[in-house]
All heavy atoms as atom14 arrays in JSON, in Angstrom:
{
  "sequence": "PDGNSSFALWFTGGIFVNQDGERFVNESAAYDRLGRAALDQIADGTLT",
  "atom14_mask": [
    [1, 1, 1, 1, 1, 1, 1, 0, 0, 0, 0, 0, 0, 0],
    [1, 1, 1, 1, 1, 1, 1, 1, 0, 0, 0, 0, 0, 0],
    [1, 1, 1, 1, 0, 0, 0, 0, 0, 0, 0, 0, 0, 0],
    [1, 1, 1, 1, 1, 1, 1, 1, 0, 0, 0, 0, 0, 0],
    [1, 1, 1, 1, 1, 1, 0, 0, 0, 0, 0, 0, 0, 0],
    [1, 1, 1, 1, 1, 1, 0, 0, 0, 0, 0, 0, 0, 0],
    [1, 1, 1, 1, 1, 1, 1, 1, 1, 1, 1, 0, 0, 0],
    [1, 1, 1, 1, 1, 0, 0, 0, 0, 0, 0, 0, 0, 0],
    [1, 1, 1, 1, 1, 1, 1, 1, 0, 0, 0, 0, 0, 0],
    [1, 1, 1, 1, 1, 1, 1, 1, 1, 1, 1, 1, 1, 1],
    [1, 1, 1, 1, 1, 1, 1, 1, 1, 1, 1, 0, 0, 0],
    [1, 1, 1, 1, 1, 1, 1, 0, 0, 0, 0, 0, 0, 0],
    [1, 1, 1, 1, 0, 0, 0, 0, 0, 0, 0, 0, 0, 0],
    [1, 1, 1, 1, 0, 0, 0, 0, 0, 0, 0, 0, 0, 0],
    [1, 1, 1, 1, 1, 1, 1, 1, 0, 0, 0, 0, 0, 0],
    [1, 1, 1, 1, 1, 1, 1, 1, 1, 1, 1, 0, 0, 0],
    [1, 1, 1, 1, 1, 1, 1, 0, 0, 0, 0, 0, 0, 0],
    [1, 1, 1, 1, 1, 1, 1, 1, 0, 0, 0, 0, 0, 0],
    [1, 1, 1, 1, 1, 1, 1, 1, 1, 0, 0, 0, 0, 0],
    [1, 1, 1, 1, 1, 1, 1, 1, 0, 0, 0, 0, 0, 0],
    [1, 1, 1, 1, 0, 0, 0, 0, 0, 0, 0, 0, 0, 0],
    [1, 1, 1, 1, 1, 1, 1, 1, 1, 0, 0, 0, 0, 0],
    [1, 1, 1, 1, 1, 1, 1, 1, 1, 1, 1, 0, 0, 0],
    [1, 1, 1, 1, 1, 1, 1, 1, 1, 1, 1, 0, 0, 0],
    [1, 1, 1, 1, 1, 1, 1, 0, 0, 0, 0, 0, 0, 0],
    [1, 1, 1, 1, 1, 1, 1, 1, 0, 0, 0, 0, 0, 0],
    [1, 1, 1, 1, 1, 1, 1, 1, 1, 0, 0, 0, 0, 0],
    [1, 1, 1, 1, 1, 1, 0, 0, 0, 0, 0, 0, 0, 0],
    [1, 1, 1, 1, 1, 0, 0, 0, 0, 0, 0, 0, 0, 0],
    [1, 1, 1, 1, 1, 0, 0, 0, 0, 0, 0, 0, 0, 0],
    [1, 1, 1, 1, 1, 1, 1, 1, 1, 1, 1, 1, 0, 0],
    [1, 1, 1, 1, 1, 1, 1, 1, 0, 0, 0, 0, 0, 0],
    [1, 1, 1, 1, 1, 1, 1, 1, 1, 1, 1, 0, 0, 0],
    [1, 1, 1, 1, 1, 1, 1, 1, 0, 0, 0, 0, 0, 0],
    [1, 1, 1, 1, 0, 0, 0, 0, 0, 0, 0, 0, 0, 0],
    [1, 1, 1, 1, 1, 1, 1, 1, 1, 1, 1, 0, 0, 0],
    [1, 1, 1, 1, 1, 0, 0, 0, 0, 0, 0, 0, 0, 0],
    [1, 1, 1, 1, 1, 0, 0, 0, 0, 0, 0, 0, 0, 0],
    [1, 1, 1, 1, 1, 1, 1, 1, 0, 0, 0, 0, 0, 0],
    [1, 1, 1, 1, 1, 1, 1, 1, 0, 0, 0, 0, 0, 0],
    [1, 1, 1, 1, 1, 1, 1, 1, 1, 0, 0, 0, 0, 0],
    [1, 1, 1, 1, 1, 1, 1, 1, 0, 0, 0, 0, 0, 0],
    [1, 1, 1, 1, 1, 0, 0, 0, 0, 0, 0, 0, 0, 0],
    [1, 1, 1, 1, 1, 1, 1, 1, 0, 0, 0, 0, 0, 0],
    [1, 1, 1, 1, 0, 0, 0, 0, 0, 0, 0, 0, 0, 0],
    [1, 1, 1, 1, 1, 1, 1, 0, 0, 0, 0, 0, 0, 0],
    [1, 1, 1, 1, 1, 1, 1, 1, 0, 0, 0, 0, 0, 0],
    [1, 1, 1, 1, 1, 1, 1, 0, 0, 0, 0, 0, 0, 0]
  ],
  "atom14_positions": [
    [[-25.59, -100.99, -37.09], [-25.54, -99.8, -36.23], [-24.35, -98.88, -36.48], [-24.42, -97.68, -36.19], [-25.5, -100.4, -34.83], [-26.22, -101.69, -34.95], [-25.83, -102.22, -36.3], [0.0, 0.0, 0.0], [0.0, 0.0, 0.0], [0.0, 0.0, 0.0], [0.0, 0.0, 0.0], [0.0, 0.0, 0.0], [0.0, 0.0, 0.0], [0.0, 0.0, 0.0]],
    [[-23.23, -99.41, -37.02], [-22.09, -98.55, -37.3], [-22.23, -97.8, -38.61], [-21.34, -97.04, -39.01], [-20.79, -99.37, -37.31], [-20.74, -100.41, -38.42], [-21.73, -100.54, -39.16], [-19.71, -101.09, -38.53], [0.0, 0.0, 0.0], [0.0, 0.0, 0.0], [0.0, 0.0, 0.0], [0.0, 0.0, 0.0], [0.0, 0.0, 0.0], [0.0, 0.0, 0.0]],
    [[-23.38, -97.99, -39.31], [-23.62, -97.3, -40.56], [-23.23, -98.07, -41.79], [-23.56, -97.67, -42.92], [0.0, 0.0, 0.0], [0.0, 0.0, 0.0], [0.0, 0.0, 0.0], [0.0, 0.0, 0.0], [0.0, 0.0, 0.0], [0.0, 0.0, 0.0], [0.0, 0.0, 0.0], [0.0, 0.0, 0.0], [0.0, 0.0, 0.0], [0.0, 0.0, 0.0]],
    [[-22.55, -99.2, -41.62], [-22.12, -100.01, -42.75], [-23.28, -100.85, -43.27], [-23.99, -101.49, -42.5], [-20.97, -100.92, -42.32], [-20.61, -101.95, -43.37], [-21.15, -103.04, -43.4], [-19.68, -101.59, -44.22], [0.0, 0.0, 0.0], [0.0, 0.0, 0.0], [0.0, 0.0, 0.0], [0.0, 0.0, 0.0], [0.0, 0.0, 0.0], [0.0, 0.0, 0.0]],
    [[-23.47, -100.83, -44.59], [-24.46, -101.71, -45.22], [-23.7, -102.88, -45.84], [-22.99, -102.71, -46.83], [-25.25, -100.95, -46.3], [-26.02, -99.93, -45.72], [0.0, 0.0, 0.0], [0.0, 0.0, 0.0], [0.0, 0.0, 0.0], [0.0, 0.0, 0.0], [0.0, 0.0, 0.0], [0.0, 0.0, 0.0], [0.0, 0.0, 0.0], [0.0, 0.0, 0.0]],
    [[-23.83, -104.07, -45.26], [-22.99, -105.19, -45.67], [-23.81, -106.31, -46.3], [-24.99, -106.51, -45.99], [-22.18, -105.72, -44.49], [-23.01, -106.22, -43.47], [0.0, 0.0, 0.0], [0.0, 0.0, 0.0], [0.0, 0.0, 0.0], [0.0, 0.0, 0.0], [0.0, 0.0, 0.0], [0.0, 0.0, 0.0], [0.0, 0.0, 0.0], [0.0, 0.0, 0.0]],
    [[-23.14, -107.03, -47.18], [-23.69, -108.12, -47.98], [-24.59, -109.04, -47.15], [-24.2, -109.54, -46.11], [-22.5, -108.89, -48.55], [-22.83, -110.12, -49.35], [-24.01, -110.23, -50.07], [-21.91, -111.16, -49.41], [-24.28, -111.36, -50.82], [-22.16, -112.29, -50.16], [-23.34, -112.4, -50.87], [0.0, 0.0, 0.0], [0.0, 0.0, 0.0], [0.0, 0.0, 0.0]],
    [[-25.8, -109.26, -47.66], [-26.75, -110.14, -46.99], [-27.47, -110.97, -48.04], [-27.76, -110.5, -49.14], [-27.76, -109.34, -46.18], [0.0, 0.0, 0.0], [0.0, 0.0, 0.0], [0.0, 0.0, 0.0], [0.0, 0.0, 0.0], [0.0, 0.0, 0.0], [0.0, 0.0, 0.0], [0.0, 0.0, 0.0], [0.0, 0.0, 0.0], [0.0, 0.0, 0.0]],
    [[-27.75, -112.21, -47.7], [-28.52, -113.09, -48.57], [-29.24, -114.13, -47.72], [-29.1, -114.14, -46.5], [-27.64, -113.77, -49.61], [-26.73, -114.92, -49.2], [-26.26, -115.7, -50.44], [-25.52, -114.46, -48.42], [0.0, 0.0, 0.0], [0.0, 0.0, 0.0], [0.0, 0.0, 0.0], [0.0, 0.0, 0.0], [0.0, 0.0, 0.0], [0.0, 0.0, 0.0]],
    [[-29.99, -115.02, -48.4], [-30.77, -116.06, -47.76], [-31.93, -115.45, -46.97], [-31.96, -115.46, -45.75], [-29.89, -116.94, -46.87], [-30.53, -118.2, -46.37], [-31.83, -118.57, -46.43], [-29.86, -119.28, -45.69], [-32.03, -119.79, -45.85], [-30.83, -120.26, -45.39], [-28.54, -119.51, -45.32], [-30.51, -121.42, -44.73], [-28.22, -120.68, -44.67], [-29.2, -121.63, -44.37]],
    [[-32.87, -114.88, -47.72], [-34.04, -114.25, -47.12], [-35.17, -115.28, -47.03], [-35.57, -115.86, -48.04], [-34.49, -113.05, -47.96], [-33.39, -112.06, -48.24], [-33.25, -111.5, -49.5], [-32.49, -111.7, -47.26], [-32.24, -110.59, -49.77], [-31.47, -110.79, -47.52], [-31.35, -110.24, -48.77], [0.0, 0.0, 0.0], [0.0, 0.0, 0.0], [0.0, 0.0, 0.0]],
    [[-35.68, -115.5, -45.85], [-36.76, -116.47, -45.66], [-38.13, -115.81, -45.58], [-39.13, -116.46, -45.28], [-36.52, -117.31, -44.39], [-36.43, -116.43, -43.26], [-35.23, -118.12, -44.52], [0.0, 0.0, 0.0], [0.0, 0.0, 0.0], [0.0, 0.0, 0.0], [0.0, 0.0, 0.0], [0.0, 0.0, 0.0], [0.0, 0.0, 0.0], [0.0, 0.0, 0.0]],
    [[-38.18, -114.54, -45.85], [-39.44, -113.8, -45.85], [-39.19, -112.36, -46.22], [-38.08, -111.96, -46.53], [0.0, 0.0, 0.0], [0.0, 0.0, 0.0], [0.0, 0.0, 0.0], [0.0, 0.0, 0.0], [0.0, 0.0, 0.0], [0.0, 0.0, 0.0], [0.0, 0.0, 0.0], [0.0, 0.0, 0.0], [0.0, 0.0, 0.0], [0.0, 0.0, 0.0]],
    [[-40.26, -111.57, -46.18], [-40.12, -110.15, -46.42], [-40.14, -109.76, -47.88], [-39.96, -110.59, -48.78], [0.0, 0.0, 0.0], [0.0, 0.0, 0.0], [0.0, 0.0, 0.0], [0.0, 0.0, 0.0], [0.0, 0.0, 0.0], [0.0, 0.0, 0.0], [0.0, 0.0, 0.0], [0.0, 0.0, 0.0], [0.0, 0.0, 0.0], [0.0, 0.0, 0.0]],
    [[-40.39, -108.48, -48.11], [-40.31, -107.9, -49.45], [-39.53, -106.6, -49.35], [-39.48, -105.95, -48.3], [-41.71, -107.61, -50.04], [-42.51, -106.67, -49.12], [-42.46, -108.91, -50.3], [-43.84, -106.2, -49.71], [0.0, 0.0, 0.0], [0.0, 0.0, 0.0], [0.0, 0.0, 0.0], [0.0, 0.0, 0.0], [0.0, 0.0, 0.0], [0.0, 0.0, 0.0]],
    [[-38.9, -106.21, -50.45], [-38.21, -104.92, -50.51], [-39.15, -103.89, -51.1], [-39.81, -104.15, -52.12], [-36.96, -105.01, -51.38], [-35.81, -105.75, -50.74], [-35.08, -106.67, -51.46], [-35.45, -105.5, -49.43], [-34.02, -107.35, -50.89], [-34.39, -106.17, -48.84], [-33.67, -107.1, -49.57], [0.0, 0.0, 0.0], [0.0, 0.0, 0.0], [0.0, 0.0, 0.0]],
    [[-39.21, -102.71, -50.48], [-40.03, -101.63, -51.02], [-39.19, -100.37, -51.19], [-38.24, -100.12, -50.44], [-41.26, -101.33, -50.12], [-42.14, -102.56, -49.99], [-40.84, -100.82, -48.74], [0.0, 0.0, 0.0], [0.0, 0.0, 0.0], [0.0, 0.0, 0.0], [0.0, 0.0, 0.0], [0.0, 0.0, 0.0], [0.0, 0.0, 0.0], [0.0, 0.0, 0.0]],
    [[-39.57, -99.58, -52.18], [-38.87, -98.33, -52.46], [-39.52, -97.17, -51.71], [-40.39, -97.37, -50.84], [-38.83, -98.08, -53.97], [-40.22, -97.94, -54.58], [-41.22, -97.72, -53.88], [-40.3, -98.04, -55.9], [0.0, 0.0, 0.0], [0.0, 0.0, 0.0], [0.0, 0.0, 0.0], [0.0, 0.0, 0.0], [0.0, 0.0, 0.0], [0.0, 0.0, 0.0]],
    [[-39.12, -95.95, -52.08], [-39.62, -94.76, -51.39], [-41.11, -94.52, -51.63], [-41.73, -93.73, -50.92], [-38.81, -93.54, -51.83], [-39.03, -93.09, -53.25], [-38.19, -93.88, -54.26], [-37.5, -94.82, -53.9], [-38.26, -93.48, -55.52], [0.0, 0.0, 0.0], [0.0, 0.0, 0.0], [0.0, 0.0, 0.0], [0.0, 0.0, 0.0], [0.0, 0.0, 0.0]],
    [[-41.68, -95.23, -52.61], [-43.12, -95.12, -52.88], [-43.91, -96.23, -52.21], [-45.13, -96.37, -52.43], [-43.38, -95.16, -54.39], [-42.78, -93.96, -55.1], [-42.85, -92.84, -54.54], [-42.21, -94.13, -56.19], [0.0, 0.0, 0.0], [0.0, 0.0, 0.0], [0.0, 0.0, 0.0], [0.0, 0.0, 0.0], [0.0, 0.0, 0.0], [0.0, 0.0, 0.0]],
    [[-43.22, -97.05, -51.41], [-43.9, -98.15, -50.72], [-44.23, -99.31, -51.63], [-45.1, -100.12, -51.3], [0.0, 0.0, 0.0], [0.0, 0.0, 0.0], [0.0, 0.0, 0.0], [0.0, 0.0, 0.0], [0.0, 0.0, 0.0], [0.0, 0.0, 0.0], [0.0, 0.0, 0.0], [0.0, 0.0, 0.0], [0.0, 0.0, 0.0], [0.0, 0.0, 0.0]],
    [[-43.53, -99.42, -52.77], [-43.82, -100.46, -53.75], [-42.64, -101.39, -53.94], [-41.48, -100.98, -53.85], [-44.19, -99.81, -55.09], [-45.44, -98.94, -54.99], [-45.76, -98.25, -56.3], [-44.85, -98.16, -57.16], [-46.91, -97.79, -56.46], [0.0, 0.0, 0.0], [0.0, 0.0, 0.0], [0.0, 0.0, 0.0], [0.0, 0.0, 0.0], [0.0, 0.0, 0.0]],
    [[-42.95, -102.64, -54.22], [-41.89, -103.6, -54.57], [-41.21, -103.15, -55.86], [-41.84, -102.55, -56.73], [-42.46, -105.01, -54.78], [-42.87, -105.73, -53.53], [-43.41, -107.11, -53.87], [-42.35, -108.05, -54.25], [-42.5, -109.08, -55.07], [-43.68, -109.29, -55.66], [-41.5, -109.89, -55.32], [0.0, 0.0, 0.0], [0.0, 0.0, 0.0], [0.0, 0.0, 0.0]],
    [[-39.9, -103.49, -55.97], [-39.19, -103.09, -57.18], [-38.27, -104.17, -57.72], [-37.57, -103.94, -58.72], [-38.36, -101.82, -56.9], [-37.3, -102.0, -55.83], [-36.0, -102.36, -56.17], [-37.59, -101.8, -54.49], [-35.03, -102.53, -55.2], [-36.63, -101.96, -53.51], [-35.34, -102.32, -53.87], [0.0, 0.0, 0.0], [0.0, 0.0, 0.0], [0.0, 0.0, 0.0]],
    [[-38.29, -105.38, -57.11], [-37.31, -106.38, -57.5], [-37.75, -107.75, -57.0], [-38.57, -107.86, -56.07], [-35.93, -106.01, -56.92], [-35.86, -106.28, -55.42], [-34.78, -106.72, -57.65], [0.0, 0.0, 0.0], [0.0, 0.0, 0.0], [0.0, 0.0, 0.0], [0.0, 0.0, 0.0], [0.0, 0.0, 0.0], [0.0, 0.0, 0.0], [0.0, 0.0, 0.0]],
    [[-37.19, -108.81, -57.59], [-37.31, -110.16, -57.08], [-36.36, -110.31, -55.9], [-35.14, -110.36, -56.07], [-36.97, -111.17, -58.19], [-36.77, -112.58, -57.68], [-37.06, -112.91, -56.54], [-36.23, -113.44, -58.54], [0.0, 0.0, 0.0], [0.0, 0.0, 0.0], [0.0, 0.0, 0.0], [0.0, 0.0, 0.0], [0.0, 0.0, 0.0], [0.0, 0.0, 0.0]],
    [[-36.91, -110.38, -54.71], [-36.09, -110.39, -53.49], [-35.23, -111.65, -53.35], [-34.25, -111.66, -52.6], [-36.97, -110.25, -52.25], [-37.74, -108.95, -52.16], [-39.08, -108.97, -52.91], [-39.38, -109.98, -53.61], [-39.82, -107.97, -52.8], [0.0, 0.0, 0.0], [0.0, 0.0, 0.0], [0.0, 0.0, 0.0], [0.0, 0.0, 0.0], [0.0, 0.0, 0.0]],
    [[-35.58, -112.73, -54.05], [-34.82, -113.97, -53.96], [-33.83, -114.15, -55.1], [-33.2, -115.2, -55.21], [-35.78, -115.17, -53.92], [-36.54, -115.16, -52.73], [0.0, 0.0, 0.0], [0.0, 0.0, 0.0], [0.0, 0.0, 0.0], [0.0, 0.0, 0.0], [0.0, 0.0, 0.0], [0.0, 0.0, 0.0], [0.0, 0.0, 0.0], [0.0, 0.0, 0.0]],
    [[-33.68, -113.13, -55.94], [-32.73, -113.22, -57.04], [-31.3, -113.28, -56.52], [-31.02, -112.87, -55.38], [-32.9, -112.03, -57.98], [0.0, 0.0, 0.0], [0.0, 0.0, 0.0], [0.0, 0.0, 0.0], [0.0, 0.0, 0.0], [0.0, 0.0, 0.0], [0.0, 0.0, 0.0], [0.0, 0.0, 0.0], [0.0, 0.0, 0.0], [0.0, 0.0, 0.0]],
    [[-30.39, -113.76, -57.34], [-28.98, -113.74, -56.98], [-28.56, -112.31, -56.66], [-29.02, -111.35, -57.3], [-28.15, -114.3, -58.12], [0.0, 0.0, 0.0], [0.0, 0.0, 0.0], [0.0, 0.0, 0.0], [0.0, 0.0, 0.0], [0.0, 0.0, 0.0], [0.0, 0.0, 0.0], [0.0, 0.0, 0.0], [0.0, 0.0, 0.0], [0.0, 0.0, 0.0]],
    [[-27.69, -112.17, -55.68], [-27.4, -110.86, -55.08], [-26.9, -109.82, -56.07], [-27.27, -108.65, -56.01], [-26.42, -111.01, -53.91], [-25.34, -112.04, -54.12], [-24.11, -111.7, -54.67], [-25.54, -113.36, -53.76], [-23.13, -112.66, -54.87], [-24.57, -114.33, -53.95], [-23.35, -113.97, -54.51], [-22.39, -114.92, -54.72], [0.0, 0.0, 0.0], [0.0, 0.0, 0.0]],
    [[-26.05, -110.2, -57.02], [-25.57, -109.22, -57.99], [-26.7, -108.77, -58.91], [-26.8, -107.58, -59.24], [-24.42, -109.8, -58.81], [-23.8, -108.78, -59.75], [-23.06, -107.9, -59.26], [-24.05, -108.85, -60.98], [0.0, 0.0, 0.0], [0.0, 0.0, 0.0], [0.0, 0.0, 0.0], [0.0, 0.0, 0.0], [0.0, 0.0, 0.0], [0.0, 0.0, 0.0]],
    [[-27.57, -109.69, -59.3], [-28.72, -109.31, -60.13], [-29.63, -108.37, -59.36], [-30.14, -107.39, -59.92], [-29.5, -110.55, -60.56], [-28.75, -111.44, -61.54], [-29.58, -112.62, -61.99], [-30.72, -112.24, -62.83], [-31.58, -113.1, -63.34], [-31.46, -114.41, -63.09], [-32.58, -112.69, -64.09], [0.0, 0.0, 0.0], [0.0, 0.0, 0.0], [0.0, 0.0, 0.0]],
    [[-29.82, -108.62, -58.08], [-30.65, -107.76, -57.26], [-30.01, -106.37, -57.13], [-30.68, -105.33, -57.29], [-30.84, -108.4, -55.88], [-32.03, -107.95, -55.02], [-32.33, -109.01, -53.97], [-31.79, -106.61, -54.37], [0.0, 0.0, 0.0], [0.0, 0.0, 0.0], [0.0, 0.0, 0.0], [0.0, 0.0, 0.0], [0.0, 0.0, 0.0], [0.0, 0.0, 0.0]],
    [[-28.68, -106.36, -56.87], [-27.98, -105.09, -56.75], [-28.02, -104.28, -58.03], [-28.21, -103.05, -58.01], [0.0, 0.0, 0.0], [0.0, 0.0, 0.0], [0.0, 0.0, 0.0], [0.0, 0.0, 0.0], [0.0, 0.0, 0.0], [0.0, 0.0, 0.0], [0.0, 0.0, 0.0], [0.0, 0.0, 0.0], [0.0, 0.0, 0.0], [0.0, 0.0, 0.0]],
    [[-27.86, -104.96, -59.17], [-27.87, -104.25, -60.45], [-29.27, -103.72, -60.78], [-29.4, -102.64, -61.38], [-27.34, -105.15, -61.56], [-25.85, -105.36, -61.46], [-25.28, -106.27, -62.52], [-23.85, -106.41, -62.28], [-22.92, -105.55, -62.7], [-23.3, -104.49, -63.41], [-21.66, -105.73, -62.42], [0.0, 0.0, 0.0], [0.0, 0.0, 0.0], [0.0, 0.0, 0.0]],
    [[-30.29, -104.48, -60.41], [-31.65, -103.98, -60.61], [-31.86, -102.7, -59.82], [-32.48, -101.74, -60.31], [-32.66, -105.04, -60.2], [0.0, 0.0, 0.0], [0.0, 0.0, 0.0], [0.0, 0.0, 0.0], [0.0, 0.0, 0.0], [0.0, 0.0, 0.0], [0.0, 0.0, 0.0], [0.0, 0.0, 0.0], [0.0, 0.0, 0.0], [0.0, 0.0, 0.0]],
    [[-31.36, -102.67, -58.59], [-31.46, -101.46, -57.78], [-30.69, -100.31, -58.42], [-31.2, -99.17, -58.5], [-30.94, -101.73, -56.37], [0.0, 0.0, 0.0], [0.0, 0.0, 0.0], [0.0, 0.0, 0.0], [0.0, 0.0, 0.0], [0.0, 0.0, 0.0], [0.0, 0.0, 0.0], [0.0, 0.0, 0.0], [0.0, 0.0, 0.0], [0.0, 0.0, 0.0]],
    [[-29.48, -100.58, -58.9], [-28.67, -99.53, -59.52], [-29.34, -98.97, -60.77], [-29.3, -97.75, -61.01], [-27.29, -100.08, -59.87], [-26.3, -100.18, -58.71], [-25.05, -100.94, -59.15], [-25.92, -98.79, -58.21], [0.0, 0.0, 0.0], [0.0, 0.0, 0.0], [0.0, 0.0, 0.0], [0.0, 0.0, 0.0], [0.0, 0.0, 0.0], [0.0, 0.0, 0.0]],
    [[-29.94, -99.84, -61.57], [-30.62, -99.37, -62.78], [-31.74, -98.4, -62.42], [-31.95, -97.38, -63.1], [-31.2, -100.55, -63.56], [-30.13, -101.38, -64.25], [-28.99, -100.9, -64.38], [-30.44, -102.52, -64.66], [0.0, 0.0, 0.0], [0.0, 0.0, 0.0], [0.0, 0.0, 0.0], [0.0, 0.0, 0.0], [0.0, 0.0, 0.0], [0.0, 0.0, 0.0]],
    [[-32.45, -98.71, -61.33], [-33.57, -97.85, -60.94], [-33.09, -96.57, -60.24], [-33.74, -95.53, -60.33], [-34.54, -98.65, -60.07], [-35.23, -99.75, -60.87], [-36.12, -100.63, -60.03], [-37.08, -100.16, -59.44], [-35.8, -101.92, -59.96], [0.0, 0.0, 0.0], [0.0, 0.0, 0.0], [0.0, 0.0, 0.0], [0.0, 0.0, 0.0], [0.0, 0.0, 0.0]],
    [[-31.97, -96.66, -59.56], [-31.36, -95.44, -59.01], [-30.97, -94.51, -60.15], [-31.18, -93.3, -60.11], [-30.15, -95.79, -58.13], [-30.61, -96.49, -56.84], [-29.34, -94.54, -57.79], [-29.47, -97.08, -56.02], [0.0, 0.0, 0.0], [0.0, 0.0, 0.0], [0.0, 0.0, 0.0], [0.0, 0.0, 0.0], [0.0, 0.0, 0.0], [0.0, 0.0, 0.0]],
    [[-30.4, -95.1, -61.21], [-29.95, -94.31, -62.35], [-31.1, -93.61, -63.06], [-30.95, -92.48, -63.54], [-29.18, -95.19, -63.33], [0.0, 0.0, 0.0], [0.0, 0.0, 0.0], [0.0, 0.0, 0.0], [0.0, 0.0, 0.0], [0.0, 0.0, 0.0], [0.0, 0.0, 0.0], [0.0, 0.0, 0.0], [0.0, 0.0, 0.0], [0.0, 0.0, 0.0]],
    [[-32.26, -94.28, -63.14], [-33.38, -93.63, -63.84], [-34.31, -92.86, -62.91], [-35.35, -92.36, -63.32], [-34.17, -94.65, -64.68], [-34.93, -95.69, -63.85], [-35.19, -95.45, -62.66], [-35.26, -96.76, -64.41], [0.0, 0.0, 0.0], [0.0, 0.0, 0.0], [0.0, 0.0, 0.0], [0.0, 0.0, 0.0], [0.0, 0.0, 0.0], [0.0, 0.0, 0.0]],
    [[-33.92, -92.78, -61.63], [-34.66, -91.95, -60.69], [-35.85, -92.58, -60.04], [-36.58, -91.91, -59.29], [0.0, 0.0, 0.0], [0.0, 0.0, 0.0], [0.0, 0.0, 0.0], [0.0, 0.0, 0.0], [0.0, 0.0, 0.0], [0.0, 0.0, 0.0], [0.0, 0.0, 0.0], [0.0, 0.0, 0.0], [0.0, 0.0, 0.0], [0.0, 0.0, 0.0]],
    [[-36.08, -93.87, -60.27], [-37.25, -94.52, -59.68], [-36.97, -95.16, -58.33], [-37.89, -95.67, -57.68], [-37.8, -95.6, -60.64], [-36.77, -96.56, -60.93], [-38.27, -94.96, -61.95], [0.0, 0.0, 0.0], [0.0, 0.0, 0.0], [0.0, 0.0, 0.0], [0.0, 0.0, 0.0], [0.0, 0.0, 0.0], [0.0, 0.0, 0.0], [0.0, 0.0, 0.0]],
    [[-35.71, -95.14, -57.9], [-35.35, -95.68, -56.58], [-34.35, -94.77, -55.92], [-33.4, -94.3, -56.57], [-34.76, -97.09, -56.72], [-34.23, -97.74, -55.42], [-35.37, -98.04, -54.46], [-33.46, -99.02, -55.73], [0.0, 0.0, 0.0], [0.0, 0.0, 0.0], [0.0, 0.0, 0.0], [0.0, 0.0, 0.0], [0.0, 0.0, 0.0], [0.0, 0.0, 0.0]],
    [[-34.56, -94.52, -54.66], [-33.57, -93.79, -53.86], [-33.17, -94.67, -52.68], [-33.92, -95.53, -52.24], [-34.14, -92.45, -53.33], [-35.3, -92.73, -52.52], [-34.53, -91.53, -54.48], [0.0, 0.0, 0.0], [0.0, 0.0, 0.0], [0.0, 0.0, 0.0], [0.0, 0.0, 0.0], [0.0, 0.0, 0.0], [0.0, 0.0, 0.0], [0.0, 0.0, 0.0]]
  ]
}
């Protein structure tokens, strides 16, 4: 609620979706791998 996006892991459900409503990553991957996958897609314009 304060606007901070803080480190989270240990997901027991759910999927991540992008602005197109589509999955874009392995949600159970190690957190840095997940973060880097997101950054790669932000860089090429496929994720906002």
